[in-house]
């Protein structure tokens, strides 16, 4: 049986506008060569996309949000 990549195979619903915006922002950050956690967090704060509570991102809140979106929180 050949392997097939299905990136949305575990998704239970279409992504929200927030999830799409976060994905777009992360893609742009990574595209600029930023790959370390402090740099990603700094770039997200500079870009203006905020967590749901409107605060600045921290390494802890960013990691928690990724875990939540992955269904691990």
Protein backbone atom coordinates (compact mmCIF):
# COMPACT_ATOMS: atom_id res chain seq x y z
CA UNK A 1 0.00 0.00 0.00
CA UNK A 2 1.56 3.32 -1.03
CA UNK A 3 1.83 6.06 1.55
CA UNK A 4 -0.21 9.18 0.96
CA UNK A 5 0.30 12.56 2.54
CA UNK A 6 -2.98 14.02 3.69
CA UNK A 7 -2.12 17.11 5.74
CA UNK A 8 -5.72 17.64 6.85
CA UNK A 9 -6.55 14.05 7.71
CA UNK A 10 -6.95 14.81 11.41
CA UNK A 11 -8.87 18.05 10.96
CA UNK A 12 -12.45 17.89 12.20
CA UNK A 13 -13.53 21.30 10.84
CA UNK A 14 -12.29 23.90 8.40
CA UNK A 15 -9.68 26.27 9.88
CA UNK A 16 -11.00 29.47 11.39
CA UNK A 17 -9.99 32.88 10.09
CA UNK A 18 -7.71 33.22 13.15
CA UNK A 19 -6.04 29.87 12.40
CA UNK A 20 -5.54 30.88 8.77
CA UNK A 21 -4.10 34.26 9.82
CA UNK A 22 -1.72 32.60 12.29
CA UNK A 23 -0.61 30.10 9.65
CA UNK A 24 -0.04 32.88 7.11
CA UNK A 25 1.94 34.92 9.63
CA UNK A 26 4.07 31.94 10.65
CA UNK A 27 4.75 31.10 7.01
CA UNK A 28 5.93 34.67 6.43
CA UNK A 29 8.11 34.62 9.54
CA UNK A 30 9.72 31.31 8.57
CA UNK A 31 10.13 32.62 5.01
CA UNK A 32 12.23 35.48 6.36
CA UNK A 33 14.57 32.91 7.89
CA UNK A 34 13.38 33.23 11.47
CA UNK A 35 13.26 29.78 13.03
CA UNK A 36 14.13 30.16 16.71
CA UNK A 37 11.38 30.51 19.31
CA UNK A 38 12.39 33.96 20.61
CA UNK A 39 12.62 35.25 17.04
CA UNK A 40 9.25 33.81 16.04
CA UNK A 41 7.58 35.32 19.10
CA UNK A 42 9.20 38.70 18.44
CA UNK A 43 8.14 38.62 14.79
CA UNK A 44 4.56 37.70 15.70
CA UNK A 45 4.40 40.65 18.09
CA UNK A 46 5.85 42.98 15.45
CA UNK A 47 3.32 41.71 12.91
CA UNK A 48 0.33 42.59 15.02
CA UNK A 49 -1.40 39.19 15.22
CA UNK A 50 -2.27 38.75 18.88
CA UNK A 51 -3.51 35.87 21.00
CA UNK A 52 -7.22 35.79 21.81
CA UNK A 53 -6.77 37.88 24.96
CA UNK A 54 -5.07 40.69 22.98
CA UNK A 55 -1.80 40.54 24.90
CA UNK A 56 1.67 40.23 23.42
CA UNK A 57 2.92 36.77 22.60
CA UNK A 58 5.44 35.17 24.95
CA UNK A 59 7.31 31.94 24.40
CA UNK A 60 4.95 30.30 26.87
CA UNK A 61 1.72 31.60 25.33
CA UNK A 62 2.90 30.73 21.82
CA UNK A 63 3.80 27.16 22.84
CA UNK A 64 0.48 26.81 24.67
CA UNK A 65 -1.44 28.06 21.63
CA UNK A 66 0.30 25.60 19.32
CA UNK A 67 -0.50 22.79 21.76
CA UNK A 68 -4.13 23.92 21.95
CA UNK A 69 -4.44 24.03 18.16
CA UNK A 70 -2.89 20.59 17.92
CA UNK A 71 -5.47 19.26 20.37
CA UNK A 72 -2.90 18.61 23.07
CA UNK A 73 -4.09 21.18 25.59
